């Protein structure tokens, strides 16, 4: 019923919640969560934006900048979601807390309550990483989808203050290791293949060009600009 309500309200949010559910579950497995924690994570991530069913459609899909009042109402979807889920007998507190806390940040500058660090439920921190990744990677009425590598760079930056660094590093390592063997273009327009990932700085990987190896760890002026499509 909740998913039906969400799909009727906003198709993007419906798709987004399913994708975040999948991504968060993968992260949870990479972090070796228990089966009960994974079950709570999957359900909570899949319902993290359910409070948006209470947000007026003209605010939810507004292409321009929100007014201060509209912005505050949009933020309140976290509280709406928590209130919806906490009253369902078959859903436990962890699931409801994910809806409430997935926009809280490590530095205490998130919402709705400005919690920080250990005050934030750990499963909510995982969903925050999945949520940011999918939101930045998706086209919306108010912004274009960001290129994959731009998203990864931003997430690495967010690990210093906004997102849990341990969760982000695990996510980046797994994502980058999946790209070993892929062709890439660097910011100097040279092209090569990712051959090795640095586990402590996964975006600064080892690139094999036609003529030589480039270790991005020792070439700070160079970055991967984009992943090239395979022939």
Foldseek 3Di string as FASTA:
>chain_A
DLLVLVCVQDVVVSVLLQQLLVQLLVLCVLVVHDPVLSVLLSLLSSQLQSLCSVQDSCLVQPQDDDDPVSVVSSLCSLVSQLVVQVPDPVHDPSSSLLNNPLQAFQQQPGDDRSDHDPVRDPSNLSSNLSSQQVVQQPDGSHGHRDANVVSLVVLCVCCVTGGVVVSNLSSLQVVLVVQQQFKFAKPVRAIFGFHAADSVHRQQTWTDGPPGIDRSVVVVVMGTPHTDDDD
